[in-house]
Amino acid sequence: MTMARFGLTGFLIAVFVAVVSFAMPNKASAESHYYSSLFGTAVEGYDVVAYFTDGKPVEGDSDHVVKWKGAKWQFASAENKALFEADPEKYAPQYGGYCAWAVSQGYTASTVPEAWKIVDGKLYLNYSKGVQSTWEQDVPGNIKLADGNWPTISEDFE
């Protein structure tokens, strides 16, 4: 009886830790400033090159993975993987993959692959489509604010 109760308690503690860990963004290591999932995957496993080449979010494939700046980046094809490897800074989202609007406001928030925009050749992600609508009310102004805030915010990751 005691062992069964301990087993259940241990299980419940493990579930609690897993839920809390999953719900909280995985802050980047000192090596990196890229937001990633609990499993270390950038942009929830979506192919960042596809935003540029296909003009839409496309799920990556675990057969095409690059480890860069502390995160695993998945790609839909070997071609997209090669493009990323040749110039990761060109394709990686701004502000470490955190919500562009949140960074413009001075904090970080997670993002969803469906809330995105390419501006002047750079990929920006947002927390949700609703937040993206707010961010889009003044894209240049919000980028300017976020660009100013990011150096201070990113210091917290070091």
N, C-alpha and C. Protein backbone atom coordinates (compact mmCIF):
# COMPACT_ATOMS: atom_id res chain seq x y z
N MET A 1 0.82 -1.19 0.00
CA MET A 1 0.00 0.00 0.00
C MET A 1 0.87 1.26 0.00
N THR A 2 1.88 1.27 0.89
CA THR A 2 2.76 2.44 0.94
C THR A 2 3.51 2.61 -0.37
N MET A 3 3.99 1.51 -0.93
CA MET A 3 4.72 1.58 -2.20
C MET A 3 3.80 2.07 -3.33
N ALA A 4 2.56 1.61 -3.33
CA ALA A 4 1.61 2.05 -4.36
C ALA A 4 1.33 3.54 -4.22
N ARG A 5 1.18 4.00 -2.99
CA ARG A 5 0.91 5.41 -2.77
C ARG A 5 2.14 6.24 -3.16
N PHE A 6 3.33 5.79 -2.80
CA PHE A 6 4.55 6.49 -3.19
C PHE A 6 4.67 6.53 -4.71
N GLY A 7 4.32 5.40 -5.35
CA GLY A 7 4.37 5.35 -6.80
C GLY A 7 3.42 6.35 -7.42
N LEU A 8 2.22 6.46 -6.89
CA LEU A 8 1.25 7.43 -7.41
C LEU A 8 1.72 8.85 -7.15
N THR A 9 2.24 9.10 -5.96
CA THR A 9 2.74 10.44 -5.63
C THR A 9 3.90 10.81 -6.55
N GLY A 10 4.82 9.88 -6.74
CA GLY A 10 5.94 10.13 -7.63
C GLY A 10 5.46 10.42 -9.05
N PHE A 11 4.48 9.66 -9.49
CA PHE A 11 3.91 9.86 -10.83
C PHE A 11 3.28 11.25 -10.94
N LEU A 12 2.49 11.64 -9.92
CA LEU A 12 1.84 12.95 -9.95
C LEU A 12 2.87 14.08 -9.94
N ILE A 13 3.94 13.91 -9.18
CA ILE A 13 4.98 14.93 -9.17
C ILE A 13 5.64 15.03 -10.55
N ALA A 14 5.92 13.89 -11.16
CA ALA A 14 6.52 13.89 -12.49
C ALA A 14 5.61 14.57 -13.51
N VAL A 15 4.30 14.29 -13.44
CA VAL A 15 3.34 14.92 -14.35
C VAL A 15 3.32 16.43 -14.12
N PHE A 16 3.30 16.86 -12.86
CA PHE A 16 3.30 18.28 -12.54
C PHE A 16 4.54 18.96 -13.12
N VAL A 17 5.71 18.37 -12.90
CA VAL A 17 6.95 18.96 -13.40
C VAL A 17 6.93 19.04 -14.92
N ALA A 18 6.42 17.99 -15.57
CA ALA A 18 6.35 17.99 -17.04
C ALA A 18 5.42 19.09 -17.54
N VAL A 19 4.27 19.23 -16.90
CA VAL A 19 3.30 20.25 -17.33
C VAL A 19 3.88 21.65 -17.12
N VAL A 20 4.46 21.90 -15.97
CA VAL A 20 5.03 23.21 -15.70
C VAL A 20 6.18 23.50 -16.66
N SER A 21 7.03 22.52 -16.90
CA SER A 21 8.14 22.72 -17.82
C SER A 21 7.66 23.00 -19.22
N PHE A 22 6.63 22.29 -19.66
CA PHE A 22 6.10 22.47 -21.00
C PHE A 22 5.44 23.84 -21.15
N ALA A 23 4.78 24.30 -20.09
CA ALA A 23 4.05 25.55 -20.16
C ALA A 23 4.96 26.76 -20.15
N MET A 24 6.16 26.60 -19.61
CA MET A 24 7.07 27.72 -19.52
C MET A 24 8.03 27.70 -20.70
N PRO A 25 8.29 28.85 -21.31
CA PRO A 25 9.25 28.88 -22.41
C PRO A 25 10.61 28.40 -21.96
N ASN A 26 11.30 27.74 -22.84
CA ASN A 26 12.65 27.28 -22.57
C ASN A 26 13.59 28.42 -22.89
N LYS A 27 14.05 29.11 -21.86
CA LYS A 27 14.96 30.23 -22.11
C LYS A 27 16.24 29.72 -22.72
N ALA A 28 16.79 30.52 -23.56
CA ALA A 28 17.99 30.14 -24.28
C ALA A 28 19.20 30.10 -23.36
N SER A 29 20.16 29.32 -23.74
CA SER A 29 21.40 29.26 -22.98
C SER A 29 22.26 30.45 -23.34
N ALA A 30 23.38 30.59 -22.64
CA ALA A 30 24.28 31.71 -22.93
C ALA A 30 24.80 31.62 -24.37
N GLU A 31 24.85 30.42 -24.92
CA GLU A 31 25.32 30.22 -26.29
C GLU A 31 24.32 30.77 -27.29
N SER A 32 23.08 30.90 -26.89
CA SER A 32 22.03 31.17 -27.85
C SER A 32 20.98 32.12 -27.29
N HIS A 33 20.26 32.70 -28.19
CA HIS A 33 19.11 33.52 -27.80
C HIS A 33 17.89 33.06 -28.56
N TYR A 34 17.76 31.75 -28.78
CA TYR A 34 16.63 31.25 -29.55
C TYR A 34 15.65 30.48 -28.70
N TYR A 35 14.41 30.95 -28.73
CA TYR A 35 13.33 30.29 -28.03
C TYR A 35 13.12 28.91 -28.65
N SER A 36 12.94 27.91 -27.80
CA SER A 36 12.67 26.57 -28.31
C SER A 36 11.68 25.88 -27.40
N SER A 37 11.09 24.82 -27.92
CA SER A 37 10.11 24.05 -27.17
C SER A 37 10.79 23.27 -26.06
N LEU A 38 10.01 22.58 -25.27
CA LEU A 38 10.52 21.72 -24.21
C LEU A 38 11.53 20.74 -24.75
N PHE A 39 11.35 20.31 -25.98
CA PHE A 39 12.23 19.33 -26.60
C PHE A 39 13.40 19.97 -27.34
N GLY A 40 13.56 21.29 -27.22
CA GLY A 40 14.69 21.97 -27.82
C GLY A 40 14.53 22.31 -29.28
N THR A 41 13.30 22.23 -29.78
CA THR A 41 13.04 22.49 -31.20
C THR A 41 12.64 23.94 -31.42
N ALA A 42 13.32 24.60 -32.34
CA ALA A 42 13.00 25.98 -32.68
C ALA A 42 11.71 26.04 -33.50
N VAL A 43 10.95 27.10 -33.31
CA VAL A 43 9.73 27.40 -34.08
C VAL A 43 8.80 26.19 -34.12
N GLU A 44 8.67 25.52 -32.99
CA GLU A 44 7.76 24.37 -32.85
C GLU A 44 7.97 23.32 -33.93
N GLY A 45 9.18 23.24 -34.48
CA GLY A 45 9.50 22.24 -35.49
C GLY A 45 9.15 22.64 -36.91
N TYR A 46 8.77 23.91 -37.10
CA TYR A 46 8.44 24.38 -38.45
C TYR A 46 9.71 24.81 -39.19
N ASP A 47 9.64 24.73 -40.50
CA ASP A 47 10.76 25.02 -41.39
C ASP A 47 10.83 26.53 -41.63
N VAL A 48 11.84 27.19 -41.07
CA VAL A 48 11.94 28.65 -41.22
C VAL A 48 12.26 29.07 -42.65
N VAL A 49 12.92 28.23 -43.40
CA VAL A 49 13.22 28.56 -44.80
C VAL A 49 11.93 28.61 -45.62
N ALA A 50 10.98 27.75 -45.30
CA ALA A 50 9.72 27.70 -46.05
C ALA A 50 8.94 29.01 -45.98
N TYR A 51 9.07 29.77 -44.90
CA TYR A 51 8.40 31.07 -44.85
C TYR A 51 8.85 31.93 -46.03
N PHE A 52 10.12 31.82 -46.39
CA PHE A 52 10.69 32.61 -47.48
C PHE A 52 10.43 31.99 -48.85
N THR A 53 10.53 30.67 -48.93
CA THR A 53 10.42 30.00 -50.24
C THR A 53 8.99 29.64 -50.61
N ASP A 54 8.17 29.25 -49.63
CA ASP A 54 6.79 28.84 -49.88
C ASP A 54 5.77 29.90 -49.50
N GLY A 55 6.21 30.89 -48.72
CA GLY A 55 5.30 31.95 -48.28
C GLY A 55 4.26 31.49 -47.29
N LYS A 56 4.58 30.43 -46.54
CA LYS A 56 3.64 29.92 -45.53
C LYS A 56 4.39 29.03 -44.55
N PRO A 57 3.78 28.81 -43.38
CA PRO A 57 4.41 27.89 -42.43
C PRO A 57 4.28 26.45 -42.91
N VAL A 58 5.39 25.73 -42.87
CA VAL A 58 5.43 24.32 -43.29
C VAL A 58 6.12 23.54 -42.19
N GLU A 59 5.52 22.45 -41.77
CA GLU A 59 6.14 21.63 -40.73
C GLU A 59 7.44 21.03 -41.22
N GLY A 60 8.43 21.05 -40.34
CA GLY A 60 9.71 20.44 -40.65
C GLY A 60 9.63 18.93 -40.43
N ASP A 61 10.67 18.26 -40.82
CA ASP A 61 10.75 16.80 -40.73
C ASP A 61 11.96 16.46 -39.87
N SER A 62 11.80 15.52 -38.96
CA SER A 62 12.92 15.16 -38.08
C SER A 62 14.06 14.49 -38.84
N ASP A 63 13.86 14.18 -40.11
CA ASP A 63 14.96 13.65 -40.94
C ASP A 63 15.89 14.76 -41.43
N HIS A 64 15.45 16.01 -41.33
CA HIS A 64 16.24 17.15 -41.81
C HIS A 64 16.41 18.14 -40.66
N VAL A 65 17.42 17.91 -39.84
CA VAL A 65 17.63 18.71 -38.63
C VAL A 65 19.02 19.33 -38.63
N VAL A 66 19.08 20.57 -38.16
CA VAL A 66 20.34 21.27 -37.93
C VAL A 66 20.32 21.74 -36.49
N LYS A 67 21.40 21.51 -35.78
CA LYS A 67 21.54 22.07 -34.43
C LYS A 67 22.33 23.37 -34.58
N TRP A 68 21.70 24.46 -34.18
CA TRP A 68 22.32 25.78 -34.33
C TRP A 68 21.90 26.66 -33.17
N LYS A 69 22.87 27.29 -32.55
CA LYS A 69 22.63 28.20 -31.42
C LYS A 69 21.76 27.57 -30.34
N GLY A 70 22.05 26.32 -30.01
CA GLY A 70 21.39 25.67 -28.89
C GLY A 70 20.01 25.12 -29.16
N ALA A 71 19.53 25.18 -30.39
CA ALA A 71 18.20 24.67 -30.72
C ALA A 71 18.29 23.73 -31.92
N LYS A 72 17.31 22.85 -32.03
CA LYS A 72 17.19 21.97 -33.19
C LYS A 72 16.23 22.64 -34.17
N TRP A 73 16.68 22.81 -35.40
CA TRP A 73 15.90 23.43 -36.46
C TRP A 73 15.52 22.33 -37.44
N GLN A 74 14.23 22.16 -37.69
CA GLN A 74 13.76 21.12 -38.60
C GLN A 74 13.33 21.74 -39.92
N PHE A 75 13.54 20.97 -40.99
CA PHE A 75 13.24 21.45 -42.33
C PHE A 75 12.43 20.43 -43.10
N ALA A 76 11.62 20.92 -44.02
CA ALA A 76 10.74 20.06 -44.81
C ALA A 76 11.51 19.29 -45.87
N SER A 77 12.69 19.76 -46.23
CA SER A 77 13.46 19.11 -47.29
C SER A 77 14.96 19.29 -47.06
N ALA A 78 15.72 18.46 -47.74
CA ALA A 78 17.19 18.58 -47.68
C ALA A 78 17.63 19.92 -48.29
N GLU A 79 16.91 20.39 -49.30
CA GLU A 79 17.24 21.67 -49.94
C GLU A 79 17.09 22.82 -48.94
N ASN A 80 15.99 22.83 -48.20
CA ASN A 80 15.79 23.89 -47.22
C ASN A 80 16.82 23.81 -46.10
N LYS A 81 17.15 22.61 -45.69
CA LYS A 81 18.19 22.42 -44.68
C LYS A 81 19.51 23.02 -45.18
N ALA A 82 19.86 22.75 -46.42
CA ALA A 82 21.11 23.26 -47.00
C ALA A 82 21.09 24.78 -47.09
N LEU A 83 19.96 25.37 -47.45
CA LEU A 83 19.85 26.83 -47.51
C LEU A 83 20.09 27.43 -46.12
N PHE A 84 19.50 26.83 -45.10
CA PHE A 84 19.68 27.32 -43.74
C PHE A 84 21.13 27.19 -43.30
N GLU A 85 21.73 26.04 -43.56
CA GLU A 85 23.12 25.82 -43.16
C GLU A 85 24.06 26.82 -43.82
N ALA A 86 23.75 27.22 -45.04
CA ALA A 86 24.59 28.18 -45.76
C ALA A 86 24.50 29.59 -45.19
N ASP A 87 23.34 29.95 -44.59
CA ASP A 87 23.15 31.31 -44.07
C ASP A 87 22.04 31.33 -43.02
N PRO A 88 22.29 30.75 -41.85
CA PRO A 88 21.23 30.66 -40.83
C PRO A 88 20.69 32.01 -40.38
N GLU A 89 21.53 33.02 -40.31
CA GLU A 89 21.07 34.34 -39.87
C GLU A 89 20.01 34.92 -40.82
N LYS A 90 20.08 34.55 -42.08
CA LYS A 90 19.12 35.04 -43.07
C LYS A 90 17.71 34.51 -42.78
N TYR A 91 17.62 33.28 -42.28
CA TYR A 91 16.32 32.62 -42.12
C TYR A 91 15.79 32.58 -40.68
N ALA A 92 16.68 32.65 -39.71
CA ALA A 92 16.26 32.56 -38.31
C ALA A 92 15.38 33.76 -37.95
N PRO A 93 14.36 33.54 -37.14
CA PRO A 93 13.49 34.66 -36.77
C PRO A 93 14.21 35.67 -35.89
N GLN A 94 13.74 36.89 -35.95
CA GLN A 94 14.30 37.97 -35.16
C GLN A 94 13.98 37.77 -33.68
N TYR A 95 14.75 38.43 -32.84
CA TYR A 95 14.55 38.45 -31.39
C TYR A 95 14.54 37.05 -30.78
N GLY A 96 15.42 36.22 -31.28
CA GLY A 96 15.57 34.89 -30.72
C GLY A 96 14.36 34.00 -30.87
N GLY A 97 13.48 34.33 -31.80
CA GLY A 97 12.27 33.53 -32.00
C GLY A 97 11.15 33.87 -31.04
N TYR A 98 11.36 34.87 -30.19
CA TYR A 98 10.30 35.32 -29.28
C TYR A 98 9.36 36.25 -30.02
N CYS A 99 8.22 36.49 -29.43
CA CYS A 99 7.18 37.34 -30.01
C CYS A 99 7.71 38.76 -30.25
N ALA A 100 7.62 39.19 -31.50
CA ALA A 100 8.11 40.52 -31.88
C ALA A 100 7.37 41.63 -31.15
N TRP A 101 6.07 41.47 -30.96
CA TRP A 101 5.31 42.50 -30.26
C TRP A 101 5.71 42.55 -28.79
N ALA A 102 5.85 41.39 -28.16
CA ALA A 102 6.25 41.36 -26.75
C ALA A 102 7.60 42.05 -26.56
N VAL A 103 8.55 41.75 -27.44
CA VAL A 103 9.88 42.38 -27.33
C VAL A 103 9.75 43.88 -27.52
N SER A 104 8.85 44.32 -28.39
CA SER A 104 8.65 45.77 -28.56
C SER A 104 8.11 46.41 -27.29
N GLN A 105 7.46 45.60 -26.45
CA GLN A 105 6.91 46.10 -25.19
C GLN A 105 7.86 45.89 -24.01
N GLY A 106 9.00 45.23 -24.27
CA GLY A 106 10.01 45.09 -23.24
C GLY A 106 10.06 43.75 -22.52
N TYR A 107 9.39 42.74 -23.04
CA TYR A 107 9.44 41.42 -22.42
C TYR A 107 9.43 40.35 -23.51
N THR A 108 9.48 39.09 -23.11
CA THR A 108 9.42 38.00 -24.07
C THR A 108 8.14 37.21 -23.91
N ALA A 109 7.73 36.57 -24.98
CA ALA A 109 6.59 35.66 -24.98
C ALA A 109 6.85 34.61 -26.06
N SER A 110 6.25 33.47 -25.88
CA SER A 110 6.39 32.40 -26.87
C SER A 110 5.70 32.80 -28.17
N THR A 111 5.83 31.96 -29.17
CA THR A 111 5.25 32.26 -30.48
C THR A 111 4.56 31.03 -31.04
N VAL A 112 3.74 31.27 -32.05
CA VAL A 112 3.13 30.18 -32.81
C VAL A 112 3.57 30.32 -34.27
N PRO A 113 3.78 29.21 -34.95
CA PRO A 113 4.26 29.28 -36.34
C PRO A 113 3.31 30.00 -37.29
N GLU A 114 2.03 30.04 -36.98
CA GLU A 114 1.04 30.64 -37.89
C GLU A 114 1.00 32.16 -37.83
N ALA A 115 1.60 32.77 -36.81
CA ALA A 115 1.59 34.23 -36.67
C ALA A 115 2.98 34.75 -37.06
N TRP A 116 3.14 35.09 -38.33
CA TRP A 116 4.45 35.43 -38.86
C TRP A 116 4.33 36.52 -39.92
N LYS A 117 5.47 37.15 -40.18
CA LYS A 117 5.53 38.14 -41.25
C LYS A 117 6.99 38.35 -41.62
N ILE A 118 7.25 38.49 -42.90
CA ILE A 118 8.59 38.84 -43.36
C ILE A 118 8.58 40.32 -43.71
N VAL A 119 9.49 41.06 -43.10
CA VAL A 119 9.61 42.50 -43.32
C VAL A 119 11.08 42.78 -43.66
N ASP A 120 11.30 43.39 -44.80
CA ASP A 120 12.66 43.71 -45.25
C ASP A 120 13.60 42.50 -45.17
N GLY A 121 13.08 41.36 -45.58
CA GLY A 121 13.89 40.15 -45.63
C GLY A 121 14.15 39.48 -44.30
N LYS A 122 13.43 39.88 -43.25
CA LYS A 122 13.61 39.30 -41.92
C LYS A 122 12.29 38.69 -41.45
N LEU A 123 12.40 37.54 -40.77
CA LEU A 123 11.24 36.83 -40.26
C LEU A 123 10.91 37.27 -38.83
N TYR A 124 9.65 37.64 -38.63
CA TYR A 124 9.16 38.03 -37.31
C TYR A 124 8.02 37.09 -36.94
N LEU A 125 8.03 36.63 -35.70
CA LEU A 125 6.98 35.75 -35.19
C LEU A 125 6.23 36.45 -34.07
N ASN A 126 4.99 36.04 -33.84
CA ASN A 126 4.18 36.60 -32.77
C ASN A 126 3.53 35.50 -31.94
N TYR A 127 3.05 35.89 -30.78
CA TYR A 127 2.43 34.99 -29.82
C TYR A 127 1.17 34.33 -30.38
N SER A 128 0.39 35.10 -31.14
CA SER A 128 -0.86 34.60 -31.71
C SER A 128 -1.24 35.50 -32.88
N LYS A 129 -2.26 35.08 -33.63
CA LYS A 129 -2.74 35.91 -34.74
C LYS A 129 -3.32 37.22 -34.20
N GLY A 130 -3.96 37.17 -33.04
CA GLY A 130 -4.50 38.39 -32.43
C GLY A 130 -3.41 39.38 -32.06
N VAL A 131 -2.36 38.89 -31.44
CA VAL A 131 -1.23 39.75 -31.09
C VAL A 131 -0.56 40.26 -32.36
N GLN A 132 -0.49 39.42 -33.37
CA GLN A 132 0.08 39.85 -34.64
C GLN A 132 -0.70 41.04 -35.22
N SER A 133 -2.01 41.00 -35.10
CA SER A 133 -2.83 42.12 -35.59
C SER A 133 -2.46 43.41 -34.87
N THR A 134 -2.23 43.33 -33.57
CA THR A 134 -1.81 44.51 -32.81
C THR A 134 -0.44 44.98 -33.28
N TRP A 135 0.49 44.05 -33.44
CA TRP A 135 1.85 44.38 -33.89
C TRP A 135 1.81 45.03 -35.27
N GLU A 136 0.94 44.56 -36.14
CA GLU A 136 0.85 45.08 -37.51
C GLU A 136 0.25 46.48 -37.60
N GLN A 137 -0.31 47.01 -36.52
CA GLN A 137 -0.84 48.37 -36.55
C GLN A 137 0.27 49.40 -36.72
N ASP A 138 1.51 49.04 -36.34
CA ASP A 138 2.65 49.94 -36.53
C ASP A 138 3.92 49.09 -36.63
N VAL A 139 4.05 48.36 -37.73
CA VAL A 139 5.19 47.45 -37.89
C VAL A 139 6.52 48.20 -37.77
N PRO A 140 6.75 49.28 -38.51
CA PRO A 140 8.05 49.96 -38.40
C PRO A 140 8.33 50.46 -36.98
N GLY A 141 7.32 51.03 -36.35
CA GLY A 141 7.50 51.53 -34.98
C GLY A 141 7.77 50.41 -33.99
N ASN A 142 7.05 49.29 -34.15
CA ASN A 142 7.25 48.16 -33.24
C ASN A 142 8.61 47.50 -33.46
N ILE A 143 9.07 47.43 -34.71
CA ILE A 143 10.41 46.88 -34.97
C ILE A 143 11.46 47.79 -34.34
N LYS A 144 11.29 49.09 -34.48
CA LYS A 144 12.26 50.03 -33.89
C LYS A 144 12.30 49.86 -32.36
N LEU A 145 11.13 49.76 -31.73
CA LEU A 145 11.09 49.55 -30.28
C LEU A 145 11.76 48.23 -29.90
N ALA A 146 11.41 47.17 -30.63
CA ALA A 146 11.97 45.84 -30.32
C ALA A 146 13.47 45.81 -30.54
N ASP A 147 13.93 46.43 -31.61
CA ASP A 147 15.38 46.49 -31.86
C ASP A 147 16.10 47.18 -30.69
N GLY A 148 15.47 48.20 -30.13
CA GLY A 148 16.06 48.89 -28.99
C GLY A 148 16.00 48.07 -27.71
N ASN A 149 14.93 47.30 -27.53
CA ASN A 149 14.74 46.51 -26.31
C ASN A 149 15.54 45.21 -26.31
N TRP A 150 15.74 44.61 -27.48
CA TRP A 150 16.34 43.27 -27.55
C TRP A 150 17.71 43.16 -26.87
N PRO A 151 18.63 44.09 -27.06
CA PRO A 151 19.93 43.93 -26.40
C PRO A 151 19.82 43.79 -24.87
N THR A 152 18.96 44.56 -24.26
CA THR A 152 18.79 44.48 -22.80
C THR A 152 18.07 43.19 -22.42
N ILE A 153 17.02 42.84 -23.15
CA ILE A 153 16.27 41.62 -22.85
C ILE A 153 17.18 40.41 -23.00
N SER A 154 17.97 40.37 -24.06
CA SER A 154 18.79 39.19 -24.33
C SER A 154 19.90 39.01 -23.30
N GLU A 155 20.26 40.07 -22.58
CA GLU A 155 21.26 39.96 -21.51
C GLU A 155 20.79 38.99 -20.42
N ASP A 156 19.48 38.90 -20.22
CA ASP A 156 18.94 38.01 -19.20
C ASP A 156 19.23 36.55 -19.50
N PHE A 157 19.56 36.22 -20.74
CA PHE A 157 19.81 34.84 -21.12
C PHE A 157 21.27 34.45 -20.93
N GLU A 158 22.11 35.40 -20.63
CA GLU A 158 23.55 35.11 -20.51
C GLU A 158 23.92 34.79 -19.10
